[in-house]
Amino acid sequence: MALLLKTTKFVETQIDLFLDIVSDAAVLFKLAMDDYLKDRTSQFEDRLAKVRESENKADDLRVSIERYLYERTLIPENRGDVLAILENTDEVIDNIKDSLLQFSIETPEIPEELDDLWMQTTTASVEAVEQLVFAVRSFFRDIAAVNNYIHKVYFFEREADHLGENLRRKIFSLDIELSQKSQLRFFAIHIEKISDYAQAVCDRLSIYTIKRQL
């Protein structure tokens, strides 16, 4: 990483901490979904509180890194790419927090027959975020490995879309009120969007990786 940024161990450590927080938030999201489906309300709210705390820490770290890069980095074009990666990745954790917050506010009633597909969709979206974290780490440490992780992000994003479509079809096949179907569809799409954000970061990361290899 220092070779890319011509900077110090401070930035390396800060970026690693930032990525750890993103990864932790993704895992917390999956655990929170399991809590919600099993009516562990108090535990769900604890997970949400932790994700909110993580989001704040990630924001503070991103601002700290950005300030340091603007003041100390000697290569402006590399600095811009790094800042964009951090900002785009930060949107992923924002989306995770927003999704959990909506569950907390609206408390949708999810029929038990949806539990399996609901968790499968959640798992695929979370795995896309985990692979994104690996891809970003590799961008700084092992540029040759980036495309492998990006490929996995795309795989899990497609898997989340496929499972999410099946989930929505099952929702509308249930004998429940249309208003409940619409609400559940909204939340199912929220879960899918987490993987969409991970894919969007990888779309840009692919370009930055090509630039570094020229």
Protein backbone atom coordinates (compact mmCIF):
# COMPACT_ATOMS: atom_id res chain seq x y z
CA MET A 1 0.00 0.00 0.00
CA ALA A 2 2.80 2.43 0.83
CA LEU A 3 4.25 2.01 -2.63
CA LEU A 4 0.94 3.08 -4.13
CA LEU A 5 0.32 6.03 -1.84
CA LYS A 6 3.85 7.04 -0.93
CA THR A 7 2.62 7.55 2.59
CA THR A 8 2.97 5.98 6.03
CA LYS A 9 1.84 2.95 8.00
CA PHE A 10 -0.78 5.23 9.54
CA VAL A 11 -2.91 5.20 6.39
CA GLU A 12 -2.42 1.47 5.89
CA THR A 13 -3.68 0.80 9.40
CA GLN A 14 -6.61 3.20 9.04
CA ILE A 15 -7.78 1.63 5.78
CA ASP A 16 -7.51 -1.86 7.30
CA LEU A 17 -9.63 -0.72 10.26
CA PHE A 18 -12.18 0.81 7.89
CA LEU A 19 -12.51 -2.44 5.93
CA ASP A 20 -12.78 -4.46 9.16
CA ILE A 21 -15.74 -2.29 10.15
CA VAL A 22 -17.47 -2.85 6.80
CA SER A 23 -16.98 -6.61 7.13
CA ASP A 24 -18.27 -6.61 10.72
CA ALA A 25 -21.36 -4.64 9.70
CA ALA A 26 -22.17 -7.19 7.00
CA VAL A 27 -21.91 -10.06 9.49
CA LEU A 28 -24.03 -8.14 12.00
CA PHE A 29 -26.68 -7.64 9.31
CA LYS A 30 -26.92 -11.39 8.74
CA LEU A 31 -27.11 -12.09 12.47
CA ALA A 32 -29.75 -9.37 12.89
CA MET A 33 -31.91 -10.90 10.15
CA ASP A 34 -31.76 -14.26 11.89
CA ASP A 35 -32.72 -12.56 15.17
CA TYR A 36 -35.62 -10.79 13.50
CA LEU A 37 -37.02 -13.94 11.90
CA LYS A 38 -36.82 -15.75 15.25
CA ASP A 39 -38.46 -12.90 17.18
CA ARG A 40 -35.38 -12.06 19.22
CA THR A 41 -36.36 -8.41 19.24
CA SER A 42 -33.99 -7.21 21.94
CA GLN A 43 -31.05 -8.93 20.31
CA PHE A 44 -32.02 -7.50 16.91
CA GLU A 45 -32.04 -3.99 18.36
CA ASP A 46 -28.63 -4.61 19.92
CA ARG A 47 -27.28 -5.59 16.49
CA LEU A 48 -28.77 -2.45 14.97
CA ALA A 49 -27.12 -0.33 17.67
CA LYS A 50 -23.78 -1.95 16.89
CA VAL A 51 -24.20 -1.31 13.16
CA ARG A 52 -25.04 2.34 13.86
CA GLU A 53 -21.92 2.61 15.97
CA SER A 54 -19.93 0.94 13.19
CA GLU A 55 -21.29 3.37 10.63
CA ASN A 56 -20.18 6.32 12.74
CA LYS A 57 -16.72 4.83 13.21
CA ALA A 58 -16.43 4.15 9.47
CA ASP A 59 -17.41 7.74 8.69
CA ASP A 60 -14.85 9.10 11.14
CA LEU A 61 -12.12 6.86 9.74
CA ARG A 62 -12.95 7.79 6.15
CA VAL A 63 -12.78 11.51 6.96
CA SER A 64 -9.51 11.02 8.84
CA ILE A 65 -7.98 9.10 5.92
CA GLU A 66 -9.21 11.64 3.37
CA ARG A 67 -7.78 14.54 5.34
CA TYR A 68 -4.43 12.80 5.68
CA LEU A 69 -4.29 11.94 1.98
CA TYR A 70 -5.07 15.50 0.94
CA GLU A 71 -2.38 16.86 3.25
CA ARG A 72 0.40 14.30 2.82
CA THR A 73 0.01 12.16 -0.32
CA LEU A 74 2.42 12.94 -3.13
CA ILE A 75 0.48 11.34 -6.02
CA PRO A 76 -2.82 13.18 -6.63
CA GLU A 77 -4.18 10.75 -9.25
CA ASN A 78 -3.72 7.77 -6.90
CA ARG A 79 -5.18 9.78 -4.05
CA GLY A 80 -8.36 10.40 -6.04
CA ASP A 81 -8.83 6.70 -6.76
CA VAL A 82 -8.33 5.77 -3.11
CA LEU A 83 -10.77 8.43 -1.92
CA ALA A 84 -13.40 7.21 -4.40
CA ILE A 85 -12.97 3.60 -3.24
CA LEU A 86 -13.43 4.62 0.40
CA GLU A 87 -16.47 6.79 -0.31
CA ASN A 88 -18.16 4.13 -2.44
CA THR A 89 -17.46 1.39 0.09
CA ASP A 90 -18.83 3.62 2.86
CA GLU A 91 -22.16 3.65 1.02
CA VAL A 92 -22.39 -0.11 1.52
CA ILE A 93 -22.35 0.17 5.30
CA ASP A 94 -24.81 3.09 5.10
CA ASN A 95 -27.20 0.84 3.19
CA ILE A 96 -26.82 -1.94 5.73
CA LYS A 97 -27.68 0.44 8.56
CA ASP A 98 -30.63 1.95 6.67
CA SER A 99 -32.08 -1.50 5.95
CA LEU A 100 -31.96 -2.59 9.59
CA LEU A 101 -33.38 0.74 10.68
CA GLN A 102 -36.39 0.26 8.40
CA PHE A 103 -37.04 -3.14 9.97
CA SER A 104 -36.89 -1.55 13.41
CA ILE A 105 -39.30 1.22 12.42
CA GLU A 106 -41.90 -0.75 10.44
CA THR A 107 -41.53 -4.18 12.11
CA PRO A 108 -42.94 -6.13 9.13
CA GLU A 109 -44.59 -9.46 9.93
CA ILE A 110 -42.73 -12.11 7.96
CA PRO A 111 -44.58 -15.42 7.51
CA GLU A 112 -42.52 -18.40 8.68
CA GLU A 113 -42.67 -20.07 5.25
CA LEU A 114 -40.48 -17.25 3.90
CA ASP A 115 -37.71 -17.72 6.47
CA ASP A 116 -35.49 -20.03 4.42
CA LEU A 117 -35.50 -17.95 1.24
CA TRP A 118 -35.21 -14.77 3.29
CA MET A 119 -32.00 -16.00 4.91
CA GLN A 120 -30.63 -17.39 1.64
CA THR A 121 -31.06 -13.97 0.02
CA THR A 122 -29.50 -12.28 3.04
CA THR A 123 -26.53 -14.66 2.99
CA ALA A 124 -25.85 -14.04 -0.71
CA SER A 125 -25.95 -10.27 -0.24
CA VAL A 126 -23.67 -10.41 2.79
CA GLU A 127 -21.23 -12.68 0.95
CA ALA A 128 -21.03 -10.10 -1.85
CA VAL A 129 -19.96 -7.51 0.72
CA GLU A 130 -17.39 -9.87 2.24
CA GLN A 131 -15.86 -10.51 -1.18
CA LEU A 132 -15.85 -6.76 -1.83
CA VAL A 133 -13.76 -6.25 1.31
CA PHE A 134 -11.27 -8.85 0.03
CA ALA A 135 -11.19 -7.09 -3.35
CA VAL A 136 -10.44 -3.69 -1.81
CA ARG A 137 -7.74 -5.13 0.46
CA SER A 138 -6.15 -6.76 -2.59
CA PHE A 139 -6.18 -3.47 -4.46
CA PHE A 140 -3.62 -2.19 -1.97
CA ARG A 141 -1.66 -5.39 -1.33
CA ASP A 142 -1.96 -7.85 -4.22
CA ILE A 143 -3.30 -6.20 -7.35
CA ALA A 144 -3.24 -9.50 -9.27
CA ALA A 145 -5.89 -10.97 -6.94
CA VAL A 146 -8.42 -8.14 -7.30
CA ASN A 147 -10.25 -9.49 -10.34
CA ASN A 148 -10.73 -12.88 -8.68
CA TYR A 149 -12.58 -11.27 -5.78
CA ILE A 150 -14.51 -8.95 -8.09
CA HIS A 151 -15.70 -12.01 -10.01
CA LYS A 152 -16.99 -13.47 -6.74
CA VAL A 153 -18.82 -10.24 -5.89
CA TYR A 154 -20.57 -10.40 -9.26
CA PHE A 155 -21.42 -14.07 -8.65
CA PHE A 156 -23.04 -13.42 -5.28
CA GLU A 157 -24.82 -10.32 -6.59
CA ARG A 158 -26.43 -12.45 -9.32
CA GLU A 159 -27.24 -15.11 -6.73
CA ALA A 160 -28.90 -12.50 -4.49
CA ASP A 161 -30.94 -11.26 -7.45
CA HIS A 162 -32.03 -14.80 -8.31
CA LEU A 163 -32.96 -15.69 -4.75
CA GLY A 164 -34.61 -12.30 -4.27
CA GLU A 165 -36.80 -12.86 -7.31
CA ASN A 166 -37.83 -16.26 -5.95
CA LEU A 167 -38.54 -14.64 -2.59
CA ARG A 168 -40.75 -11.99 -4.15
CA ARG A 169 -42.63 -14.58 -6.19
CA LYS A 170 -43.26 -16.59 -3.04
CA ILE A 171 -44.43 -13.47 -1.21
CA PHE A 172 -47.07 -12.78 -3.82
CA SER A 173 -48.20 -16.41 -3.85
CA LEU A 174 -49.13 -16.26 -0.18
CA ASP A 175 -52.70 -15.88 1.02
CA ILE A 176 -52.13 -12.59 2.84
CA GLU A 177 -53.27 -9.00 2.39
CA LEU A 178 -51.92 -7.13 -0.63
CA SER A 179 -50.64 -4.39 1.68
CA GLN A 180 -48.52 -6.94 3.55
CA LYS A 181 -47.24 -8.38 0.26
CA SER A 182 -46.18 -4.90 -0.86
CA GLN A 183 -44.43 -4.22 2.42
CA LEU A 184 -42.57 -7.54 2.31
CA ARG A 185 -41.53 -6.91 -1.28
CA PHE A 186 -40.06 -3.56 -0.19
CA PHE A 187 -37.94 -5.25 2.47
CA ALA A 188 -36.88 -8.09 0.18
CA ILE A 189 -35.61 -5.53 -2.35
CA HIS A 190 -33.75 -3.72 0.45
CA ILE A 191 -31.82 -6.91 1.17
CA GLU A 192 -30.99 -7.43 -2.51
CA LYS A 193 -29.73 -3.85 -2.79
CA ILE A 194 -26.89 -4.54 -0.37
CA SER A 195 -25.29 -6.77 -3.00
CA ASP A 196 -26.08 -4.17 -5.68
CA TYR A 197 -24.05 -1.59 -3.77
CA ALA A 198 -21.16 -4.05 -3.49
CA GLN A 199 -21.30 -4.63 -7.24
CA ALA A 200 -21.35 -0.89 -7.93
CA VAL A 201 -18.14 -0.45 -5.94
CA CYS A 202 -16.53 -3.29 -7.89
CA ASP A 203 -17.51 -1.70 -11.20
CA ARG A 204 -15.34 1.27 -10.27
CA LEU A 205 -12.67 -0.84 -8.61
CA SER A 206 -12.20 -2.70 -11.90
CA ILE A 207 -11.36 0.58 -13.64
CA TYR A 208 -8.93 1.66 -10.92
CA THR A 209 -7.25 -1.74 -11.10
CA ILE A 210 -6.75 -1.44 -14.86
CA LYS A 211 -5.24 2.02 -14.35
CA ARG A 212 -2.75 0.67 -11.82
CA GLN A 213 -1.69 -2.10 -14.16
CA LEU A 214 -1.00 0.16 -17.15
